[in-house]
Amino acid sequence: MFQKIKLLAVSFVLFLTAFQFDLSPVSALPSGLPSKATVQSELNALTVKTESTMTGYSRDLFPHWSSQGSGCDTRQVVLKRDADSYVGNCPVTSGSWYSYYDGLTFKNPSDLDIDHVVPLAEAWRSGASSWTTTTRQAFANDLTGPQLIAVSASSNRSKGDQDPSTWKPTRAGASCGYSKMWIHTKSRWNLSLQSSEKTALQTMLNTCTY
């Protein structure tokens, strides 16, 4: 009997170990991501067209890290939201963060960037060039959707303003969540996408099990 209980305990540990890889990425994502079926419908409905040029683009046209009250700006709000734990309140001085893109854990907030999932330059090329500055500011500080996420500075800077046809997270298993965040953001903000981008997103979305 004891041997049977021991075997069951070992099996349970192995079960948890096998699924640990899948559980941590989901918990690191912004909350409220739609289901795979919903995001698939959003992807199907997005307008496919050739991207506009970068003519006239400037990050200054997307005022970001706006004040969110109580002495906090958008960056500090996301740092607190995405932390497993943190110390300090605007500024956050230390804590623990899991970087969804590369699977690394950080204790110092200075090692983190707040990534615009759909980069500001990409948004410009996809329709934001015709927006007002007020709308661009709302996009750059969007705390309602999955447009902002705390990740390692190195992964964010490697990504730059690339879309999923030329860049995706290096961590195996991150493709699903990343494609969901990208598609849902473009859908919420009525941004277009190019053909190669859609193909890459569909491939990534196909990896989703949730």
C-alpha atoms as a PDB file:
ATOM      1  CA  MET A   1       0.000   0.000   0.000  1.00  0.00           C
ATOM      2  CA  PHE A   2       2.820   2.405   0.937  1.00  0.00           C
ATOM      3  CA  GLN A   3       4.584   1.627  -2.333  1.00  0.00           C
ATOM      4  CA  LYS A   4       1.423   2.391  -4.311  1.00  0.00           C
ATOM      5  CA  ILE A   5       0.981   5.750  -2.539  1.00  0.00           C
ATOM      6  CA  LYS A   6       4.628   6.564  -3.218  1.00  0.00           C
ATOM      7  CA  LEU A   7       4.206   5.796  -6.913  1.00  0.00           C
ATOM      8  CA  LEU A   8       1.105   7.971  -7.082  1.00  0.00           C
ATOM      9  CA  ALA A   9       2.965  10.836  -5.421  1.00  0.00           C
ATOM     10  CA  VAL A  10       5.853  10.536  -7.879  1.00  0.00           C
ATOM     11  CA  SER A  11       3.416  10.449 -10.804  1.00  0.00           C
ATOM     12  CA  PHE A  12       1.706  13.593  -9.528  1.00  0.00           C
ATOM     13  CA  VAL A  13       5.012  15.448  -9.269  1.00  0.00           C
ATOM     14  CA  LEU A  14       5.928  14.405 -12.797  1.00  0.00           C
ATOM     15  CA  PHE A  15       2.509  15.565 -14.002  1.00  0.00           C
ATOM     16  CA  LEU A  16       3.016  18.994 -12.431  1.00  0.00           C
ATOM     17  CA  THR A  17       6.522  19.220 -13.838  1.00  0.00           C
ATOM     18  CA  ALA A  18       5.307  18.415 -17.336  1.00  0.00           C
ATOM     19  CA  PHE A  19       2.742  21.184 -17.220  1.00  0.00           C
ATOM     20  CA  GLN A  20       4.809  23.779 -15.392  1.00  0.00           C
ATOM     21  CA  PHE A  21       6.095  25.112 -18.705  1.00  0.00           C
ATOM     22  CA  ASP A  22       2.589  25.869 -19.886  1.00  0.00           C
ATOM     23  CA  LEU A  23       1.278  27.341 -16.646  1.00  0.00           C
ATOM     24  CA  SER A  24       3.874  30.053 -16.056  1.00  0.00           C
ATOM     25  CA  PRO A  25       3.491  31.801 -19.435  1.00  0.00           C
ATOM     26  CA  VAL A  26      -0.269  32.135 -19.056  1.00  0.00           C
ATOM     27  CA  SER A  27       0.063  33.703 -15.590  1.00  0.00           C
ATOM     28  CA  ALA A  28       2.592  36.230 -16.952  1.00  0.00           C
ATOM     29  CA  LEU A  29       0.175  37.584 -19.544  1.00  0.00           C
ATOM     30  CA  PRO A  30      -2.137  40.562 -19.101  1.00  0.00           C
ATOM     31  CA  SER A  31      -5.543  39.332 -17.968  1.00  0.00           C
ATOM     32  CA  GLY A  32      -8.621  39.158 -20.135  1.00  0.00           C
ATOM     33  CA  LEU A  33      -7.207  37.692 -23.343  1.00  0.00           C
ATOM     34  CA  PRO A  34     -10.041  36.319 -25.494  1.00  0.00           C
ATOM     35  CA  SER A  35     -10.407  32.686 -26.433  1.00  0.00           C
ATOM     36  CA  LYS A  36      -8.641  31.220 -29.438  1.00  0.00           C
ATOM     37  CA  ALA A  37     -11.939  31.140 -31.349  1.00  0.00           C
ATOM     38  CA  THR A  38     -12.629  34.820 -30.653  1.00  0.00           C
ATOM     39  CA  VAL A  39      -9.138  35.887 -31.672  1.00  0.00           C
ATOM     40  CA  GLN A  40      -9.399  33.782 -34.830  1.00  0.00           C
ATOM     41  CA  SER A  41     -12.550  35.686 -35.757  1.00  0.00           C
ATOM     42  CA  GLU A  42     -10.760  38.970 -35.079  1.00  0.00           C
ATOM     43  CA  LEU A  43      -7.851  37.926 -37.296  1.00  0.00           C
ATOM     44  CA  ASN A  44     -10.215  36.941 -40.109  1.00  0.00           C
ATOM     45  CA  ALA A  45     -11.911  40.345 -39.918  1.00  0.00           C
ATOM     46  CA  LEU A  46      -8.765  42.494 -40.013  1.00  0.00           C
ATOM     47  CA  THR A  47      -8.089  44.433 -43.202  1.00  0.00           C
ATOM     48  CA  VAL A  48      -5.093  43.132 -45.161  1.00  0.00           C
ATOM     49  CA  LYS A  49      -3.217  45.826 -47.070  1.00  0.00           C
ATOM     50  CA  THR A  50       0.253  47.074 -47.866  1.00  0.00           C
ATOM     51  CA  GLU A  51       1.721  49.069 -45.016  1.00  0.00           C
ATOM     52  CA  SER A  52       2.034  52.832 -45.232  1.00  0.00           C
ATOM     53  CA  THR A  53       5.427  54.527 -45.169  1.00  0.00           C
ATOM     54  CA  MET A  54       7.187  55.966 -42.122  1.00  0.00           C
ATOM     55  CA  THR A  55       6.960  59.472 -43.540  1.00  0.00           C
ATOM     56  CA  GLY A  56       6.211  61.924 -40.751  1.00  0.00           C
ATOM     57  CA  TYR A  57       6.617  59.375 -37.963  1.00  0.00           C
ATOM     58  CA  SER A  58       7.967  60.349 -34.557  1.00  0.00           C
ATOM     59  CA  ARG A  59       7.572  58.679 -31.157  1.00  0.00           C
ATOM     60  CA  ASP A  60       6.707  62.150 -29.880  1.00  0.00           C
ATOM     61  CA  LEU A  61       3.429  61.837 -31.796  1.00  0.00           C
ATOM     62  CA  PHE A  62       2.509  59.018 -29.361  1.00  0.00           C
ATOM     63  CA  PRO A  63       2.851  60.667 -25.921  1.00  0.00           C
ATOM     64  CA  HIS A  64       3.468  57.768 -23.558  1.00  0.00           C
ATOM     65  CA  TRP A  65       3.921  56.993 -19.884  1.00  0.00           C
ATOM     66  CA  SER A  66       1.167  59.422 -19.038  1.00  0.00           C
ATOM     67  CA  SER A  67       0.188  60.188 -15.458  1.00  0.00           C
ATOM     68  CA  GLN A  68      -2.278  57.644 -14.047  1.00  0.00           C
ATOM     69  CA  GLY A  69      -2.872  59.428 -10.742  1.00  0.00           C
ATOM     70  CA  SER A  70      -1.447  58.977  -7.235  1.00  0.00           C
ATOM     71  CA  GLY A  71       2.017  59.833  -8.527  1.00  0.00           C
ATOM     72  CA  CYS A  72       2.080  56.883 -10.934  1.00  0.00           C
ATOM     73  CA  ASP A  73       2.646  56.895 -14.679  1.00  0.00           C
ATOM     74  CA  THR A  74       1.743  54.143 -17.128  1.00  0.00           C
ATOM     75  CA  ARG A  75       5.116  52.385 -16.814  1.00  0.00           C
ATOM     76  CA  GLN A  76       4.815  52.125 -13.042  1.00  0.00           C
ATOM     77  CA  VAL A  77       1.249  50.815 -13.259  1.00  0.00           C
ATOM     78  CA  VAL A  78       2.338  48.022 -15.623  1.00  0.00           C
ATOM     79  CA  LEU A  79       5.342  47.163 -13.451  1.00  0.00           C
ATOM     80  CA  LYS A  80       3.018  46.681 -10.479  1.00  0.00           C
ATOM     81  CA  ARG A  81       0.396  44.820 -12.491  1.00  0.00           C
ATOM     82  CA  ASP A  82       2.842  42.351 -14.024  1.00  0.00           C
ATOM     83  CA  ALA A  83       4.966  41.700 -10.913  1.00  0.00           C
ATOM     84  CA  ASP A  84       4.781  38.496  -8.908  1.00  0.00           C
ATOM     85  CA  SER A  85       5.732  40.764  -5.999  1.00  0.00           C
ATOM     86  CA  TYR A  86       7.130  44.272  -5.698  1.00  0.00           C
ATOM     87  CA  VAL A  87       8.482  46.825  -3.242  1.00  0.00           C
ATOM     88  CA  GLY A  88       7.835  50.555  -3.516  1.00  0.00           C
ATOM     89  CA  ASN A  89       4.974  52.481  -5.003  1.00  0.00           C
ATOM     90  CA  CYS A  90       5.757  54.787  -7.904  1.00  0.00           C
ATOM     91  CA  PRO A  91       8.574  54.282  -8.243  1.00  0.00           C
ATOM     92  CA  VAL A  92       8.676  50.536  -7.795  1.00  0.00           C
ATOM     93  CA  THR A  93      12.159  49.838  -6.404  1.00  0.00           C
ATOM     94  CA  SER A  94      12.421  46.042  -6.571  1.00  0.00           C
ATOM     95  CA  GLY A  95      10.352  42.905  -7.024  1.00  0.00           C
ATOM     96  CA  SER A  96      10.071  39.789  -9.134  1.00  0.00           C
ATOM     97  CA  TRP A  97       9.014  39.718 -12.780  1.00  0.00           C
ATOM     98  CA  TYR A  98       8.758  36.854 -15.255  1.00  0.00           C
ATOM     99  CA  SER A  99       9.579  38.020 -18.789  1.00  0.00           C
ATOM    100  CA  TYR A 100       7.077  36.255 -21.053  1.00  0.00           C
ATOM    101  CA  TYR A 101       9.120  36.680 -24.219  1.00  0.00           C
ATOM    102  CA  ASP A 102      12.307  34.935 -23.076  1.00  0.00           C
ATOM    103  CA  GLY A 103      11.389  33.120 -19.849  1.00  0.00           C
ATOM    104  CA  LEU A 104      13.822  35.041 -17.639  1.00  0.00           C
ATOM    105  CA  THR A 105      13.102  36.333 -14.138  1.00  0.00           C
ATOM    106  CA  PHE A 106      14.220  39.777 -12.966  1.00  0.00           C
ATOM    107  CA  LYS A 107      14.416  41.484  -9.586  1.00  0.00           C
ATOM    108  CA  ASN A 108      15.426  44.992 -10.666  1.00  0.00           C
ATOM    109  CA  PRO A 109      12.811  47.051 -12.543  1.00  0.00           C
ATOM    110  CA  SER A 110      15.579  48.847 -14.438  1.00  0.00           C
ATOM    111  CA  ASP A 111      16.200  45.564 -16.302  1.00  0.00           C
ATOM    112  CA  LEU A 112      12.660  45.686 -17.692  1.00  0.00           C
ATOM    113  CA  ASP A 113      11.036  47.571 -20.533  1.00  0.00           C
ATOM    114  CA  ILE A 114       7.309  48.072 -20.951  1.00  0.00           C
ATOM    115  CA  ASP A 115       6.743  46.722 -24.430  1.00  0.00           C
ATOM    116  CA  HIS A 116       4.119  48.101 -26.766  1.00  0.00           C
ATOM    117  CA  VAL A 117       3.027  44.737 -28.171  1.00  0.00           C
ATOM    118  CA  VAL A 118       2.070  46.448 -31.419  1.00  0.00           C
ATOM    119  CA  PRO A 119       4.981  48.895 -31.702  1.00  0.00           C
ATOM    120  CA  LEU A 120       4.219  52.569 -32.140  1.00  0.00           C
ATOM    121  CA  ALA A 121       5.949  52.635 -35.530  1.00  0.00           C
ATOM    122  CA  GLU A 122       4.006  49.550 -36.620  1.00  0.00           C
ATOM    123  CA  ALA A 123       0.770  51.232 -35.569  1.00  0.00           C
ATOM    124  CA  TRP A 124       1.768  54.283 -37.623  1.00  0.00           C
ATOM    125  CA  ARG A 125       2.264  52.109 -40.700  1.00  0.00           C
ATOM    126  CA  SER A 126      -1.046  50.331 -40.052  1.00  0.00           C
ATOM    127  CA  GLY A 127      -3.374  53.294 -39.746  1.00  0.00           C
ATOM    128  CA  ALA A 128      -2.334  55.434 -36.764  1.00  0.00           C
ATOM    129  CA  SER A 129      -0.774  58.049 -39.045  1.00  0.00           C
ATOM    130  CA  SER A 130      -4.292  59.388 -39.586  1.00  0.00           C
ATOM    131  CA  TRP A 131      -5.189  59.486 -35.878  1.00  0.00           C
ATOM    132  CA  THR A 132      -5.240  62.555 -33.692  1.00  0.00           C
ATOM    133  CA  THR A 133      -2.505  62.955 -31.102  1.00  0.00           C
ATOM    134  CA  THR A 134      -5.116  62.311 -28.413  1.00  0.00           C
ATOM    135  CA  THR A 135      -5.958  58.920 -29.933  1.00  0.00           C
ATOM    136  CA  ARG A 136      -2.287  58.043 -30.339  1.00  0.00           C
ATOM    137  CA  GLN A 137      -1.696  58.920 -26.700  1.00  0.00           C
ATOM    138  CA  ALA A 138      -4.550  56.630 -25.650  1.00  0.00           C
ATOM    139  CA  PHE A 139      -3.029  53.825 -27.733  1.00  0.00           C
ATOM    140  CA  ALA A 140       0.443  54.322 -26.267  1.00  0.00           C
ATOM    141  CA  ASN A 141      -0.936  54.165 -22.710  1.00  0.00           C
ATOM    142  CA  ASP A 142      -3.567  51.461 -23.246  1.00  0.00           C
ATOM    143  CA  LEU A 143      -4.045  49.736 -19.892  1.00  0.00           C
ATOM    144  CA  THR A 144      -7.385  48.197 -20.853  1.00  0.00           C
ATOM    145  CA  GLY A 145      -6.216  45.769 -23.524  1.00  0.00           C
ATOM    146  CA  PRO A 146      -3.116  43.554 -23.831  1.00  0.00           C
ATOM    147  CA  GLN A 147      -1.032  46.228 -25.559  1.00  0.00           C
ATOM    148  CA  LEU A 148       1.456  46.737 -22.711  1.00  0.00           C
ATOM    149  CA  ILE A 149       3.567  44.084 -20.986  1.00  0.00           C
ATOM    150  CA  ALA A 150       6.679  44.162 -18.785  1.00  0.00           C
ATOM    151  CA  VAL A 151       9.474  42.142 -20.420  1.00  0.00           C
ATOM    152  CA  SER A 152      13.252  42.050 -20.411  1.00  0.00           C
ATOM    153  CA  ALA A 153      14.853  45.139 -21.927  1.00  0.00           C
ATOM    154  CA  SER A 154      16.942  42.917 -24.199  1.00  0.00           C
ATOM    155  CA  SER A 155      13.918  41.163 -25.714  1.00  0.00           C
ATOM    156  CA  ASN A 156      12.041  44.408 -26.242  1.00  0.00           C
ATOM    157  CA  ARG A 157      15.000  46.030 -27.972  1.00  0.00           C
ATOM    158  CA  SER A 158      15.607  42.954 -30.107  1.00  0.00           C
ATOM    159  CA  LYS A 159      12.006  43.199 -31.268  1.00  0.00           C
ATOM    160  CA  GLY A 160      12.162  46.922 -32.090  1.00  0.00           C
ATOM    161  CA  ASP A 161       9.316  47.843 -34.448  1.00  0.00           C
ATOM    162  CA  GLN A 162       9.141  44.452 -36.189  1.00  0.00           C
ATOM    163  CA  ASP A 163       5.905  42.566 -36.756  1.00  0.00           C
ATOM    164  CA  PRO A 164       5.424  38.785 -36.271  1.00  0.00           C
ATOM    165  CA  SER A 165       6.565  38.016 -39.824  1.00  0.00           C
ATOM    166  CA  THR A 166      10.127  38.957 -38.832  1.00  0.00           C
ATOM    167  CA  TRP A 167      10.187  38.629 -35.023  1.00  0.00           C
ATOM    168  CA  LYS A 168       8.620  36.412 -32.391  1.00  0.00           C
ATOM    169  CA  PRO A 169       9.463  35.660 -28.755  1.00  0.00           C
ATOM    170  CA  THR A 170      12.488  33.432 -28.284  1.00  0.00           C
ATOM    171  CA  ARG A 171      10.836  31.344 -25.576  1.00  0.00           C
ATOM    172  CA  ALA A 172       9.236  28.187 -26.907  1.00  0.00           C
ATOM    173  CA  GLY A 173       5.567  28.275 -25.979  1.00  0.00           C
ATOM    174  CA  ALA A 174       5.146  32.065 -26.089  1.00  0.00           C
ATOM    175  CA  SER A 175       3.794  32.170 -29.640  1.00  0.00           C
ATOM    176  CA  CYS A 176       0.181  31.626 -28.659  1.00  0.00           C
ATOM    177  CA  GLY A 177      -0.102  34.440 -26.146  1.00  0.00           C
ATOM    178  CA  TYR A 178       1.935  36.822 -28.272  1.00  0.00           C
ATOM    179  CA  SER A 179      -0.262  36.278 -31.338  1.00  0.00           C
ATOM    180  CA  LYS A 180      -3.390  36.752 -29.235  1.00  0.00           C
ATOM    181  CA  MET A 181      -2.109  40.027 -27.790  1.00  0.00           C
ATOM    182  CA  TRP A 182      -1.096  41.316 -31.223  1.00  0.00           C
ATOM    183  CA  ILE A 183      -4.319  40.357 -33.005  1.00  0.00           C
ATOM    184  CA  HIS A 184      -6.609  41.574 -30.231  1.00  0.00           C
ATOM    185  CA  THR A 185      -4.798  44.914 -30.059  1.00  0.00           C
ATOM    186  CA  LYS A 186      -5.011  45.463 -33.805  1.00  0.00           C
ATOM    187  CA  SER A 187      -8.683  44.513 -33.729  1.00  0.00           C
ATOM    188  CA  ARG A 188      -9.500  46.850 -30.816  1.00  0.00           C
ATOM    189  CA  TRP A 189      -7.753  49.768 -32.513  1.00  0.00           C
ATOM    190  CA  ASN A 190      -8.940  48.981 -36.059  1.00  0.00           C
ATOM    191  CA  LEU A 191      -5.419  48.671 -37.457  1.00  0.00           C
ATOM    192  CA  SER A 192      -4.641  46.845 -40.697  1.00  0.00           C
ATOM    193  CA  LEU A 193      -2.045  44.136 -41.277  1.00  0.00           C
ATOM    194  CA  GLN A 194       0.024  42.987 -44.208  1.00  0.00           C
ATOM    195  CA  SER A 195      -0.234  39.554 -45.826  1.00  0.00           C
ATOM    196  CA  SER A 196       3.039  38.155 -44.436  1.00  0.00           C
ATOM    197  CA  GLU A 197       2.071  39.362 -40.975  1.00  0.00           C
ATOM    198  CA  LYS A 198      -1.297  37.601 -41.163  1.00  0.00           C
ATOM    199  CA  THR A 199       0.326  34.348 -42.278  1.00  0.00           C
ATOM    200  CA  ALA A 200       2.790  34.462 -39.395  1.00  0.00           C
ATOM    201  CA  LEU A 201       0.040  35.261 -36.898  1.00  0.00           C
ATOM    202  CA  GLN A 202      -2.096  32.378 -38.128  1.00  0.00           C
ATOM    203  CA  THR A 203       0.809  29.971 -37.690  1.00  0.00           C
ATOM    204  CA  MET A 204       1.367  31.238 -34.162  1.00  0.00           C
ATOM    205  CA  LEU A 205      -2.332  31.178 -33.271  1.00  0.00           C
ATOM    206  CA  ASN A 206      -2.519  27.571 -34.438  1.00  0.00           C
ATOM    207  CA  THR A 207      -0.260  26.642 -31.507  1.00  0.00           C
ATOM    208  CA  CYS A 208      -2.904  27.785 -28.996  1.00  0.00           C
ATOM    209  CA  THR A 209      -4.709  25.275 -26.832  1.00  0.00           C
ATOM    210  CA  TYR A 210      -6.715  27.902 -24.950  1.00  0.00           C
END
